[in-house]
PDB file of all heavy atoms in Angstrom:
ATOM      1  N   PRO A   1     -25.283  19.009 -35.436  1.00  0.00           N
ATOM      2  CA  PRO A   1     -25.377  18.058 -36.585  1.00  0.00           C
ATOM      3  C   PRO A   1     -24.234  17.040 -36.302  1.00  0.00           C
ATOM      4  O   PRO A   1     -23.093  17.316 -35.964  1.00  0.00           O
ATOM      5  CB  PRO A   1     -25.027  18.952 -37.768  1.00  0.00           C
ATOM      6  CG  PRO A   1     -25.536  20.173 -37.430  1.00  0.00           C
ATOM      7  CD  PRO A   1     -25.216  20.355 -35.980  1.00  0.00           C
ATOM      8  N   GLY A   2     -24.610  15.688 -36.586  1.00  0.00           N
ATOM      9  CA  GLY A   2     -23.715  14.575 -36.365  1.00  0.00           C
ATOM     10  C   GLY A   2     -23.802  14.036 -34.916  1.00  0.00           C
ATOM     11  O   GLY A   2     -23.176  12.974 -34.638  1.00  0.00           O
ATOM     12  N   GLY A   3     -24.468  14.721 -34.014  1.00  0.00           N
ATOM     13  CA  GLY A   3     -24.615  14.299 -32.650  1.00  0.00           C
ATOM     14  C   GLY A   3     -25.683  13.202 -32.449  1.00  0.00           C
ATOM     15  O   GLY A   3     -26.381  12.801 -33.418  1.00  0.00           O
ATOM     16  N   SER A   4     -25.903  12.836 -31.191  1.00  0.00           N
ATOM     17  CA  SER A   4     -26.894  11.828 -30.838  1.00  0.00           C
ATOM     18  C   SER A   4     -27.818  12.186 -29.716  1.00  0.00           C
ATOM     19  O   SER A   4     -27.403  13.091 -28.838  1.00  0.00           O
ATOM     20  CB  SER A   4     -26.124  10.542 -30.419  1.00  0.00           C
ATOM     21  OG  SER A   4     -25.294   9.954 -31.413  1.00  0.00           O
ATOM     22  N   LEU A   5     -28.939  11.630 -29.736  1.00  0.00           N
ATOM     23  CA  LEU A   5     -29.890  11.805 -28.594  1.00  0.00           C
ATOM     24  C   LEU A   5     -30.638  10.467 -28.386  1.00  0.00           C
ATOM     25  O   LEU A   5     -30.804   9.746 -29.303  1.00  0.00           O
ATOM     26  CB  LEU A   5     -30.983  12.854 -28.851  1.00  0.00           C
ATOM     27  CG  LEU A   5     -30.626  14.330 -28.868  1.00  0.00           C
ATOM     28  CD1 LEU A   5     -31.775  15.191 -29.331  1.00  0.00           C
ATOM     29  CD2 LEU A   5     -30.229  14.753 -27.401  1.00  0.00           C
ATOM     30  N   ARG A   6     -31.067  10.289 -27.135  1.00  0.00           N
ATOM     31  CA  ARG A   6     -31.843   9.110 -26.845  1.00  0.00           C
ATOM     32  C   ARG A   6     -33.194   9.462 -26.228  1.00  0.00           C
ATOM     33  O   ARG A   6     -33.168  10.087 -25.135  1.00  0.00           O
ATOM     34  CB  ARG A   6     -31.040   8.144 -25.800  1.00  0.00           C
ATOM     35  CG  ARG A   6     -31.763   6.758 -25.672  1.00  0.00           C
ATOM     36  CD  ARG A   6     -31.035   5.938 -24.604  1.00  0.00           C
ATOM     37  NE  ARG A   6     -31.523   4.618 -24.632  1.00  0.00           N
ATOM     38  CZ  ARG A   6     -31.207   3.662 -23.766  1.00  0.00           C
ATOM     39  NH1 ARG A   6     -30.469   4.005 -22.638  1.00  0.00           N
ATOM     40  NH2 ARG A   6     -31.623   2.382 -23.879  1.00  0.00           N
ATOM     41  N   LEU A   7     -34.227   9.323 -26.864  1.00  0.00           N
ATOM     42  CA  LEU A   7     -35.509   9.726 -26.339  1.00  0.00           C
ATOM     43  C   LEU A   7     -36.176   8.480 -25.610  1.00  0.00           C
ATOM     44  O   LEU A   7     -35.911   7.375 -25.874  1.00  0.00           O
ATOM     45  CB  LEU A   7     -36.494  10.015 -27.525  1.00  0.00           C
ATOM     46  CG  LEU A   7     -35.984  11.042 -28.578  1.00  0.00           C
ATOM     47  CD1 LEU A   7     -37.127  11.342 -29.569  1.00  0.00           C
ATOM     48  CD2 LEU A   7     -35.607  12.342 -27.815  1.00  0.00           C
ATOM     49  N   SER A   8     -36.982   8.864 -24.624  1.00  0.00           N
ATOM     50  CA  SER A   8     -37.608   7.903 -23.757  1.00  0.00           C
ATOM     51  C   SER A   8     -39.106   8.049 -23.852  1.00  0.00           C
ATOM     52  O   SER A   8     -39.664   9.241 -23.952  1.00  0.00           O
ATOM     53  CB  SER A   8     -37.230   7.960 -22.310  1.00  0.00           C
ATOM     54  OG  SER A   8     -35.831   7.768 -22.142  1.00  0.00           O
ATOM     55  N   CYS A   9     -39.869   6.990 -23.799  1.00  0.00           N
ATOM     56  CA  CYS A   9     -41.317   6.984 -23.739  1.00  0.00           C
ATOM     57  C   CYS A   9     -41.753   6.008 -22.630  1.00  0.00           C
ATOM     58  O   CYS A   9     -41.604   4.886 -22.721  1.00  0.00           O
ATOM     59  CB  CYS A   9     -41.939   6.490 -25.125  1.00  0.00           C
ATOM     60  SG  CYS A   9     -43.749   6.281 -25.143  1.00  0.00           S
ATOM     61  N   VAL A  10     -42.313   6.671 -21.544  1.00  0.00           N
ATOM     62  CA  VAL A  10     -42.781   5.886 -20.461  1.00  0.00           C
ATOM     63  C   VAL A  10     -44.240   5.559 -20.618  1.00  0.00           C
ATOM     64  O   VAL A  10     -45.015   6.514 -20.737  1.00  0.00           O
ATOM     65  CB  VAL A  10     -42.518   6.669 -19.116  1.00  0.00           C
ATOM     66  CG1 VAL A  10     -43.081   5.846 -17.889  1.00  0.00           C
ATOM     67  CG2 VAL A  10     -41.057   6.925 -18.850  1.00  0.00           C
ATOM     68  N   PHE A  11     -44.595   4.290 -20.541  1.00  0.00           N
ATOM     69  CA  PHE A  11     -45.829   3.719 -20.728  1.00  0.00           C
ATOM     70  C   PHE A  11     -46.460   3.296 -19.416  1.00  0.00           C
ATOM     71  O   PHE A  11     -45.846   2.548 -18.811  1.00  0.00           O
ATOM     72  CB  PHE A  11     -45.749   2.585 -21.760  1.00  0.00           C
ATOM     73  CG  PHE A  11     -47.101   1.967 -22.200  1.00  0.00           C
ATOM     74  CD1 PHE A  11     -47.827   2.424 -23.202  1.00  0.00           C
ATOM     75  CD2 PHE A  11     -47.555   0.875 -21.444  1.00  0.00           C
ATOM     76  CE1 PHE A  11     -49.000   1.806 -23.556  1.00  0.00           C
ATOM     77  CE2 PHE A  11     -48.691   0.150 -21.883  1.00  0.00           C
ATOM     78  CZ  PHE A  11     -49.415   0.696 -22.939  1.00  0.00           C
ATOM     79  N   SER A  12     -47.623   3.854 -19.124  1.00  0.00           N
ATOM     80  CA  SER A  12     -48.187   3.469 -17.835  1.00  0.00           C
ATOM     81  C   SER A  12     -49.745   3.149 -18.003  1.00  0.00           C
ATOM     82  O   SER A  12     -50.397   3.400 -18.980  1.00  0.00           O
ATOM     83  CB  SER A  12     -48.016   4.601 -16.824  1.00  0.00           C
ATOM     84  OG  SER A  12     -48.729   5.752 -17.275  1.00  0.00           O
ATOM     85  N   GLY A  13     -50.239   2.504 -16.928  1.00  0.00           N
ATOM     86  CA  GLY A  13     -51.700   2.085 -16.957  1.00  0.00           C
ATOM     87  C   GLY A  13     -51.865   0.597 -17.148  1.00  0.00           C
ATOM     88  O   GLY A  13     -52.703  -0.028 -16.478  1.00  0.00           O
ATOM     89  N   LEU A  14     -51.083   0.000 -18.054  1.00  0.00           N
ATOM     90  CA  LEU A  14     -51.113  -1.380 -18.310  1.00  0.00           C
ATOM     91  C   LEU A  14     -49.742  -1.886 -18.655  1.00  0.00           C
ATOM     92  O   LEU A  14     -48.790  -1.074 -19.019  1.00  0.00           O
ATOM     93  CB  LEU A  14     -52.073  -1.691 -19.577  1.00  0.00           C
ATOM     94  CG  LEU A  14     -53.600  -1.473 -19.262  1.00  0.00           C
ATOM     95  CD1 LEU A  14     -54.370  -1.585 -20.534  1.00  0.00           C
ATOM     96  CD2 LEU A  14     -54.079  -2.480 -18.243  1.00  0.00           C
ATOM     97  N   PRO A  15     -49.426  -3.168 -18.675  1.00  0.00           N
ATOM     98  CA  PRO A  15     -48.076  -3.670 -18.973  1.00  0.00           C
ATOM     99  C   PRO A  15     -47.687  -3.382 -20.403  1.00  0.00           C
ATOM    100  O   PRO A  15     -48.447  -3.599 -21.343  1.00  0.00           O
ATOM    101  CB  PRO A  15     -48.183  -5.116 -18.763  1.00  0.00           C
ATOM    102  CG  PRO A  15     -49.360  -5.346 -17.783  1.00  0.00           C
ATOM    103  CD  PRO A  15     -50.348  -4.307 -18.200  1.00  0.00           C
ATOM    104  N   LEU A  16     -46.442  -2.855 -20.595  1.00  0.00           N
ATOM    105  CA  LEU A  16     -45.871  -2.442 -21.860  1.00  0.00           C
ATOM    106  C   LEU A  16     -45.893  -3.799 -22.721  1.00  0.00           C
ATOM    107  O   LEU A  16     -46.025  -3.665 -23.980  1.00  0.00           O
ATOM    108  CB  LEU A  16     -44.529  -1.899 -21.735  1.00  0.00           C
ATOM    109  CG  LEU A  16     -43.758  -1.605 -22.949  1.00  0.00           C
ATOM    110  CD1 LEU A  16     -44.495  -0.616 -23.785  1.00  0.00           C
ATOM    111  CD2 LEU A  16     -42.325  -1.069 -22.623  1.00  0.00           C
ATOM    112  N   ALA A  17     -45.657  -4.936 -22.129  1.00  0.00           N
ATOM    113  CA  ALA A  17     -45.530  -6.191 -22.902  1.00  0.00           C
ATOM    114  C   ALA A  17     -46.850  -6.519 -23.644  1.00  0.00           C
ATOM    115  O   ALA A  17     -46.701  -7.328 -24.514  1.00  0.00           O
ATOM    116  CB  ALA A  17     -45.105  -7.313 -21.944  1.00  0.00           C
ATOM    117  N   ASP A  18     -47.888  -5.914 -23.320  1.00  0.00           N
ATOM    118  CA  ASP A  18     -49.143  -6.171 -23.943  1.00  0.00           C
ATOM    119  C   ASP A  18     -49.458  -5.321 -25.216  1.00  0.00           C
ATOM    120  O   ASP A  18     -50.522  -5.475 -25.796  1.00  0.00           O
ATOM    121  CB  ASP A  18     -50.333  -6.036 -23.016  1.00  0.00           C
ATOM    122  CG  ASP A  18     -50.346  -7.078 -21.885  1.00  0.00           C
ATOM    123  OD1 ASP A  18     -49.604  -8.058 -22.046  1.00  0.00           O
ATOM    124  OD2 ASP A  18     -51.007  -6.877 -20.863  1.00  0.00           O
ATOM    125  N   TYR A  19     -48.554  -4.434 -25.514  1.00  0.00           N
ATOM    126  CA  TYR A  19     -48.817  -3.444 -26.585  1.00  0.00           C
ATOM    127  C   TYR A  19     -47.608  -3.303 -27.562  1.00  0.00           C
ATOM    128  O   TYR A  19     -46.460  -3.455 -27.194  1.00  0.00           O
ATOM    129  CB  TYR A  19     -49.190  -2.064 -26.056  1.00  0.00           C
ATOM    130  CG  TYR A  19     -50.404  -2.129 -25.196  1.00  0.00           C
ATOM    131  CD1 TYR A  19     -50.417  -2.322 -23.897  1.00  0.00           C
ATOM    132  CD2 TYR A  19     -51.661  -1.802 -25.897  1.00  0.00           C
ATOM    133  CE1 TYR A  19     -51.670  -2.378 -23.218  1.00  0.00           C
ATOM    134  CE2 TYR A  19     -52.815  -1.785 -25.222  1.00  0.00           C
ATOM    135  CZ  TYR A  19     -52.863  -2.129 -23.866  1.00  0.00           C
ATOM    136  OH  TYR A  19     -54.006  -2.196 -23.113  1.00  0.00           O
ATOM    137  N   ALA A  20     -47.882  -2.813 -28.774  1.00  0.00           N
ATOM    138  CA  ALA A  20     -46.823  -2.355 -29.660  1.00  0.00           C
ATOM    139  C   ALA A  20     -46.714  -0.803 -29.497  1.00  0.00           C
ATOM    140  O   ALA A  20     -47.726  -0.142 -29.250  1.00  0.00           O
ATOM    141  CB  ALA A  20     -47.226  -2.661 -31.131  1.00  0.00           C
ATOM    142  N   ILE A  21     -45.521  -0.359 -29.601  1.00  0.00           N
ATOM    143  CA  ILE A  21     -45.242   1.111 -29.466  1.00  0.00           C
ATOM    144  C   ILE A  21     -44.507   1.587 -30.657  1.00  0.00           C
ATOM    145  O   ILE A  21     -43.478   1.009 -30.991  1.00  0.00           O
ATOM    146  CB  ILE A  21     -44.450   1.430 -28.162  1.00  0.00           C
ATOM    147  CG1 ILE A  21     -45.144   0.750 -26.945  1.00  0.00           C
ATOM    148  CG2 ILE A  21     -44.264   2.913 -27.997  1.00  0.00           C
ATOM    149  CD1 ILE A  21     -46.491   1.457 -26.637  1.00  0.00           C
ATOM    150  N   ALA A  22     -44.975   2.713 -31.165  1.00  0.00           N
ATOM    151  CA  ALA A  22     -44.253   3.320 -32.335  1.00  0.00           C
ATOM    152  C   ALA A  22     -43.776   4.715 -32.061  1.00  0.00           C
ATOM    153  O   ALA A  22     -44.388   5.390 -31.239  1.00  0.00           O
ATOM    154  CB  ALA A  22     -45.215   3.271 -33.568  1.00  0.00           C
ATOM    155  N   TRP A  23     -42.749   5.207 -32.760  1.00  0.00           N
ATOM    156  CA  TRP A  23     -42.258   6.560 -32.786  1.00  0.00           C
ATOM    157  C   TRP A  23     -42.702   7.181 -33.989  1.00  0.00           C
ATOM    158  O   TRP A  23     -42.414   6.675 -35.092  1.00  0.00           O
ATOM    159  CB  TRP A  23     -40.733   6.660 -32.545  1.00  0.00           C
ATOM    160  CG  TRP A  23     -40.324   6.342 -31.158  1.00  0.00           C
ATOM    161  CD1 TRP A  23     -39.814   5.200 -30.665  1.00  0.00           C
ATOM    162  CD2 TRP A  23     -40.250   7.321 -30.042  1.00  0.00           C
ATOM    163  NE1 TRP A  23     -39.470   5.396 -29.267  1.00  0.00           N
ATOM    164  CE2 TRP A  23     -39.713   6.663 -28.933  1.00  0.00           C
ATOM    165  CE3 TRP A  23     -40.583   8.659 -29.966  1.00  0.00           C
ATOM    166  CZ2 TRP A  23     -39.575   7.249 -27.673  1.00  0.00           C
ATOM    167  CZ3 TRP A  23     -40.408   9.284 -28.732  1.00  0.00           C
ATOM    168  CH2 TRP A  23     -39.902   8.609 -27.625  1.00  0.00           C
ATOM    169  N   PHE A  24     -43.214   8.459 -33.937  1.00  0.00           N
ATOM    170  CA  PHE A  24     -43.531   9.331 -35.037  1.00  0.00           C
ATOM    171  C   PHE A  24     -42.892  10.658 -34.845  1.00  0.00           C
ATOM    172  O   PHE A  24     -42.488  10.983 -33.773  1.00  0.00           O
ATOM    173  CB  PHE A  24     -45.082   9.499 -35.140  1.00  0.00           C
ATOM    174  CG  PHE A  24     -45.838   8.254 -35.502  1.00  0.00           C
ATOM    175  CD1 PHE A  24     -46.153   7.361 -34.533  1.00  0.00           C
ATOM    176  CD2 PHE A  24     -46.247   8.089 -36.848  1.00  0.00           C
ATOM    177  CE1 PHE A  24     -46.932   6.175 -34.877  1.00  0.00           C
ATOM    178  CE2 PHE A  24     -46.951   6.906 -37.127  1.00  0.00           C
ATOM    179  CZ  PHE A  24     -47.349   5.978 -36.208  1.00  0.00           C
ATOM    180  N   ARG A  25     -42.788  11.383 -35.883  1.00  0.00           N
ATOM    181  CA  ARG A  25     -42.279  12.801 -35.795  1.00  0.00           C
ATOM    182  C   ARG A  25     -43.068  13.740 -36.728  1.00  0.00           C
ATOM    183  O   ARG A  25     -43.624  13.185 -37.716  1.00  0.00           O
ATOM    184  CB  ARG A  25     -40.763  12.861 -36.105  1.00  0.00           C
ATOM    185  CG  ARG A  25     -40.399  12.680 -37.498  1.00  0.00           C
ATOM    186  CD  ARG A  25     -38.920  12.714 -37.740  1.00  0.00           C
ATOM    187  NE  ARG A  25     -38.558  12.468 -39.085  1.00  0.00           N
ATOM    188  CZ  ARG A  25     -37.276  12.398 -39.514  1.00  0.00           C
ATOM    189  NH1 ARG A  25     -36.255  12.507 -38.624  1.00  0.00           N
ATOM    190  NH2 ARG A  25     -37.012  12.165 -40.771  1.00  0.00           N
ATOM    191  N   GLN A  26     -43.098  14.984 -36.419  1.00  0.00           N
ATOM    192  CA  GLN A  26     -43.687  16.010 -37.267  1.00  0.00           C
ATOM    193  C   GLN A  26     -42.813  17.221 -37.341  1.00  0.00           C
ATOM    194  O   GLN A  26     -42.443  17.828 -36.372  1.00  0.00           O
ATOM    195  CB  GLN A  26     -45.017  16.451 -36.686  1.00  0.00           C
ATOM    196  CG  GLN A  26     -45.822  17.326 -37.564  1.00  0.00           C
ATOM    197  CD  GLN A  26     -47.329  17.412 -37.229  1.00  0.00           C
ATOM    198  OE1 GLN A  26     -47.685  17.006 -36.100  1.00  0.00           O
ATOM    199  NE2 GLN A  26     -48.058  17.787 -38.146  1.00  0.00           N
ATOM    200  N   VAL A  27     -42.336  17.470 -38.604  1.00  0.00           N
ATOM    201  CA  VAL A  27     -41.571  18.641 -38.896  1.00  0.00           C
ATOM    202  C   VAL A  27     -42.550  19.789 -39.191  1.00  0.00           C
ATOM    203  O   VAL A  27     -43.643  19.529 -39.785  1.00  0.00           O
ATOM    204  CB  VAL A  27     -40.665  18.307 -40.150  1.00  0.00           C
ATOM    205  CG1 VAL A  27     -39.872  19.592 -40.505  1.00  0.00           C
ATOM    206  CG2 VAL A  27     -39.699  17.202 -39.774  1.00  0.00           C
ATOM    207  N   SER A  28     -42.236  20.975 -38.827  1.00  0.00           N
ATOM    208  CA  SER A  28     -43.091  22.111 -39.038  1.00  0.00           C
ATOM    209  C   SER A  28     -43.533  22.228 -40.579  1.00  0.00           C
ATOM    210  O   SER A  28     -42.698  22.242 -41.396  1.00  0.00           O
ATOM    211  CB  SER A  28     -42.409  23.428 -38.710  1.00  0.00           C
ATOM    212  OG  SER A  28     -42.166  23.415 -37.265  1.00  0.00           O
ATOM    213  N   GLY A  29     -44.850  22.333 -40.708  1.00  0.00           N
ATOM    214  CA  GLY A  29     -45.403  22.423 -42.057  1.00  0.00           C
ATOM    215  C   GLY A  29     -45.460  21.103 -42.818  1.00  0.00           C
ATOM    216  O   GLY A  29     -45.960  21.059 -43.974  1.00  0.00           O
ATOM    217  N   LYS A  30     -45.113  19.986 -42.197  1.00  0.00           N
ATOM    218  CA  LYS A  30     -45.135  18.673 -42.891  1.00  0.00           C
ATOM    219  C   LYS A  30     -46.120  17.723 -42.164  1.00  0.00           C
ATOM    220  O   LYS A  30     -46.502  17.919 -41.064  1.00  0.00           O
ATOM    221  CB  LYS A  30     -43.751  18.060 -42.834  1.00  0.00           C
ATOM    222  CG  LYS A  30     -42.659  18.980 -43.454  1.00  0.00           C
ATOM    223  CD  LYS A  30     -42.855  19.186 -44.933  1.00  0.00           C
ATOM    224  CE  LYS A  30     -41.708  20.041 -45.523  1.00  0.00           C
ATOM    225  NZ  LYS A  30     -41.918  20.312 -46.992  1.00  0.00           N
ATOM    226  N   GLU A  31     -46.451  16.611 -42.897  1.00  0.00           N
ATOM    227  CA  GLU A  31     -47.315  15.622 -42.337  1.00  0.00           C
ATOM    228  C   GLU A  31     -46.488  14.777 -41.329  1.00  0.00           C
ATOM    229  O   GLU A  31     -45.353  14.592 -41.392  1.00  0.00           O
ATOM    230  CB  GLU A  31     -47.824  14.735 -43.443  1.00  0.00           C
ATOM    231  CG  GLU A  31     -48.674  15.377 -44.435  1.00  0.00           C
ATOM    232  CD  GLU A  31     -50.025  15.699 -43.894  1.00  0.00           C
ATOM    233  OE1 GLU A  31     -50.546  14.953 -42.973  1.00  0.00           O
ATOM    234  OE2 GLU A  31     -50.629  16.771 -44.301  1.00  0.00           O
ATOM    235  N   ARG A  32     -47.304  14.264 -40.376  1.00  0.00           N
ATOM    236  CA  ARG A  32     -46.743  13.252 -39.395  1.00  0.00           C
ATOM    237  C   ARG A  32     -46.182  12.112 -40.046  1.00  0.00           C
ATOM    238  O   ARG A  32     -46.674  11.467 -40.978  1.00  0.00           O
ATOM    239  CB  ARG A  32     -47.768  12.918 -38.418  1.00  0.00           C
ATOM    240  CG  ARG A  32     -47.314  12.032 -37.209  1.00  0.00           C
ATOM    241  CD  ARG A  32     -48.470  11.953 -36.189  1.00  0.00           C
ATOM    242  NE  ARG A  32     -49.750  11.590 -36.821  1.00  0.00           N
ATOM    243  CZ  ARG A  32     -50.880  11.769 -36.154  1.00  0.00           C
ATOM    244  NH1 ARG A  32     -50.964  12.197 -34.919  1.00  0.00           N
ATOM    245  NH2 ARG A  32     -52.012  11.410 -36.838  1.00  0.00           N
ATOM    246  N   GLU A  33     -44.918  11.656 -39.670  1.00  0.00           N
ATOM    247  CA  GLU A  33     -44.226  10.568 -40.306  1.00  0.00           C
ATOM    248  C   GLU A  33     -43.840   9.457 -39.283  1.00  0.00           C
ATOM    249  O   GLU A  33     -43.282   9.793 -38.244  1.00  0.00           O
ATOM    250  CB  GLU A  33     -42.933  11.184 -40.888  1.00  0.00           C
ATOM    251  CG  GLU A  33     -42.021  10.116 -41.481  1.00  0.00           C
ATOM    252  CD  GLU A  33     -40.654  10.689 -41.928  1.00  0.00           C
ATOM    253  OE1 GLU A  33     -40.225  11.657 -41.282  1.00  0.00           O
ATOM    254  OE2 GLU A  33     -40.112  10.171 -42.921  1.00  0.00           O
ATOM    255  N   GLY A  34     -44.186   8.234 -39.609  1.00  0.00           N
ATOM    256  CA  GLY A  34     -43.738   7.124 -38.779  1.00  0.00           C
ATOM    257  C   GLY A  34     -42.232   6.906 -38.918  1.00  0.00           C
ATOM    258  O   GLY A  34     -41.644   7.061 -39.980  1.00  0.00           O
ATOM    259  N   ILE A  35     -41.598   6.450 -37.768  1.00  0.00           N
ATOM    260  CA  ILE A  35     -40.210   6.168 -37.717  1.00  0.00           C
ATOM    261  C   ILE A  35     -39.916   4.747 -37.559  1.00  0.00           C
ATOM    262  O   ILE A  35     -39.225   4.142 -38.415  1.00  0.00           O
ATOM    263  CB  ILE A  35     -39.556   7.045 -36.595  1.00  0.00           C
ATOM    264  CG1 ILE A  35     -39.736   8.544 -36.873  1.00  0.00           C
ATOM    265  CG2 ILE A  35     -37.989   6.674 -36.551  1.00  0.00           C
ATOM    266  CD1 ILE A  35     -39.273   9.374 -35.756  1.00  0.00           C
ATOM    267  N   ALA A  36     -40.361   4.191 -36.505  1.00  0.00           N
ATOM    268  CA  ALA A  36     -40.150   2.783 -36.178  1.00  0.00           C
ATOM    269  C   ALA A  36     -41.149   2.335 -35.117  1.00  0.00           C
ATOM    270  O   ALA A  36     -41.776   3.125 -34.449  1.00  0.00           O
ATOM    271  CB  ALA A  36     -38.736   2.608 -35.571  1.00  0.00           C
ATOM    272  N   CYS A  37     -41.303   0.976 -35.038  1.00  0.00           N
ATOM    273  CA  CYS A  37     -42.258   0.387 -34.137  1.00  0.00           C
ATOM    274  C   CYS A  37     -41.699  -0.851 -33.542  1.00  0.00           C
ATOM    275  O   CYS A  37     -40.894  -1.610 -34.212  1.00  0.00           O
ATOM    276  CB  CYS A  37     -43.517  -0.012 -34.869  1.00  0.00           C
ATOM    277  SG  CYS A  37     -44.841  -0.579 -33.818  1.00  0.00           S
ATOM    278  N   ILE A  38     -41.950  -1.068 -32.249  1.00  0.00           N
ATOM    279  CA  ILE A  38     -41.534  -2.292 -31.576  1.00  0.00           C
ATOM    280  C   ILE A  38     -42.712  -3.035 -31.121  1.00  0.00           C
ATOM    281  O   ILE A  38     -43.647  -2.538 -30.455  1.00  0.00           O
ATOM    282  CB  ILE A  38     -40.574  -1.936 -30.342  1.00  0.00           C
ATOM    283  CG1 ILE A  38     -39.959  -3.248 -29.800  1.00  0.00           C
ATOM    284  CG2 ILE A  38     -41.246  -1.175 -29.314  1.00  0.00           C
ATOM    285  CD1 ILE A  38     -38.707  -2.954 -29.016  1.00  0.00           C
ATOM    286  N   ARG A  39     -42.715  -4.335 -31.440  1.00  0.00           N
ATOM    287  CA  ARG A  39     -43.848  -5.260 -31.248  1.00  0.00           C
ATOM    288  C   ARG A  39     -43.839  -5.773 -29.738  1.00  0.00           C
ATOM    289  O   ARG A  39     -42.917  -5.603 -29.009  1.00  0.00           O
ATOM    290  CB  ARG A  39     -43.823  -6.390 -32.182  1.00  0.00           C
ATOM    291  CG  ARG A  39     -43.933  -5.998 -33.623  1.00  0.00           C
ATOM    292  CD  ARG A  39     -43.981  -7.127 -34.487  1.00  0.00           C
ATOM    293  NE  ARG A  39     -44.060  -6.745 -36.005  1.00  0.00           N
ATOM    294  CZ  ARG A  39     -43.019  -6.487 -36.720  1.00  0.00           C
ATOM    295  NH1 ARG A  39     -41.820  -6.591 -36.275  1.00  0.00           N
ATOM    296  NH2 ARG A  39     -43.130  -6.093 -37.946  1.00  0.00           N
ATOM    297  N   LYS A  40     -44.935  -6.447 -29.396  1.00  0.00           N
ATOM    298  CA  LYS A  40     -45.051  -7.002 -28.065  1.00  0.00           C
ATOM    299  C   LYS A  40     -43.916  -7.963 -27.796  1.00  0.00           C
ATOM    300  O   LYS A  40     -43.380  -8.023 -26.649  1.00  0.00           O
ATOM    301  CB  LYS A  40     -46.313  -7.743 -27.854  1.00  0.00           C
ATOM    302  CG  LYS A  40     -47.619  -6.881 -28.121  1.00  0.00           C
ATOM    303  CD  LYS A  40     -48.833  -7.812 -28.094  1.00  0.00           C
ATOM    304  CE  LYS A  40     -50.076  -7.048 -28.520  1.00  0.00           C
ATOM    305  NZ  LYS A  40     -51.303  -7.884 -28.583  1.00  0.00           N
ATOM    306  N   SER A  41     -43.473  -8.685 -28.843  1.00  0.00           N
ATOM    307  CA  SER A  41     -42.474  -9.673 -28.749  1.00  0.00           C
ATOM    308  C   SER A  41     -41.010  -9.074 -28.555  1.00  0.00           C
ATOM    309  O   SER A  41     -40.157  -9.773 -28.262  1.00  0.00           O
ATOM    310  CB  SER A  41     -42.418 -10.583 -29.970  1.00  0.00           C
ATOM    311  OG  SER A  41     -42.146  -9.762 -31.133  1.00  0.00           O
ATOM    312  N   GLY A  42     -40.914  -7.747 -28.919  1.00  0.00           N
ATOM    313  CA  GLY A  42     -39.616  -7.125 -28.902  1.00  0.00           C
ATOM    314  C   GLY A  42     -39.025  -6.959 -30.246  1.00  0.00           C
ATOM    315  O   GLY A  42     -38.006  -6.302 -30.414  1.00  0.00           O
ATOM    316  N   SER A  43     -39.565  -7.576 -31.233  1.00  0.00           N
ATOM    317  CA  SER A  43     -39.070  -7.405 -32.599  1.00  0.00           C
ATOM    318  C   SER A  43     -39.477  -5.960 -33.094  1.00  0.00           C
ATOM    319  O   SER A  43     -40.444  -5.453 -32.654  1.00  0.00           O
ATOM    320  CB  SER A  43     -39.602  -8.528 -33.507  1.00  0.00           C
ATOM    321  OG  SER A  43     -41.030  -8.309 -33.761  1.00  0.00           O
ATOM    322  N   VAL A  44     -38.734  -5.474 -34.055  1.00  0.00           N
ATOM    323  CA  VAL A  44     -38.936  -4.107 -34.520  1.00  0.00           C
ATOM    324  C   VAL A  44     -39.109  -4.035 -35.995  1.00  0.00           C
ATOM    325  O   VAL A  44     -38.698  -4.976 -36.752  1.00  0.00           O
ATOM    326  CB  VAL A  44     -37.707  -3.267 -34.164  1.00  0.00           C
ATOM    327  CG1 VAL A  44     -37.466  -3.235 -32.676  1.00  0.00           C
ATOM    328  CG2 VAL A  44     -36.473  -3.642 -34.912  1.00  0.00           C
ATOM    329  N   THR A  45     -39.795  -2.959 -36.478  1.00  0.00           N
ATOM    330  CA  THR A  45     -40.023  -2.713 -37.908  1.00  0.00           C
ATOM    331  C   THR A  45     -39.738  -1.221 -38.215  1.00  0.00           C
ATOM    332  O   THR A  45     -40.173  -0.400 -37.372  1.00  0.00           O
ATOM    333  CB  THR A  45     -41.342  -3.149 -38.390  1.00  0.00           C
ATOM    334  OG1 THR A  45     -41.514  -3.027 -39.735  1.00  0.00           O
ATOM    335  CG2 THR A  45     -42.484  -2.353 -37.693  1.00  0.00           C
TER     336      THR A  45
END
């Protein structure tokens, strides 16, 4: 607790610049939850 991790997502098949990518998570027994998304432009939500 209080520590840090950096997750990576390698995207292949087509250029990453052509897609938006989002991170989701699922806790045991809970619904899948969206975390954040990065757009083609590099802006985030």
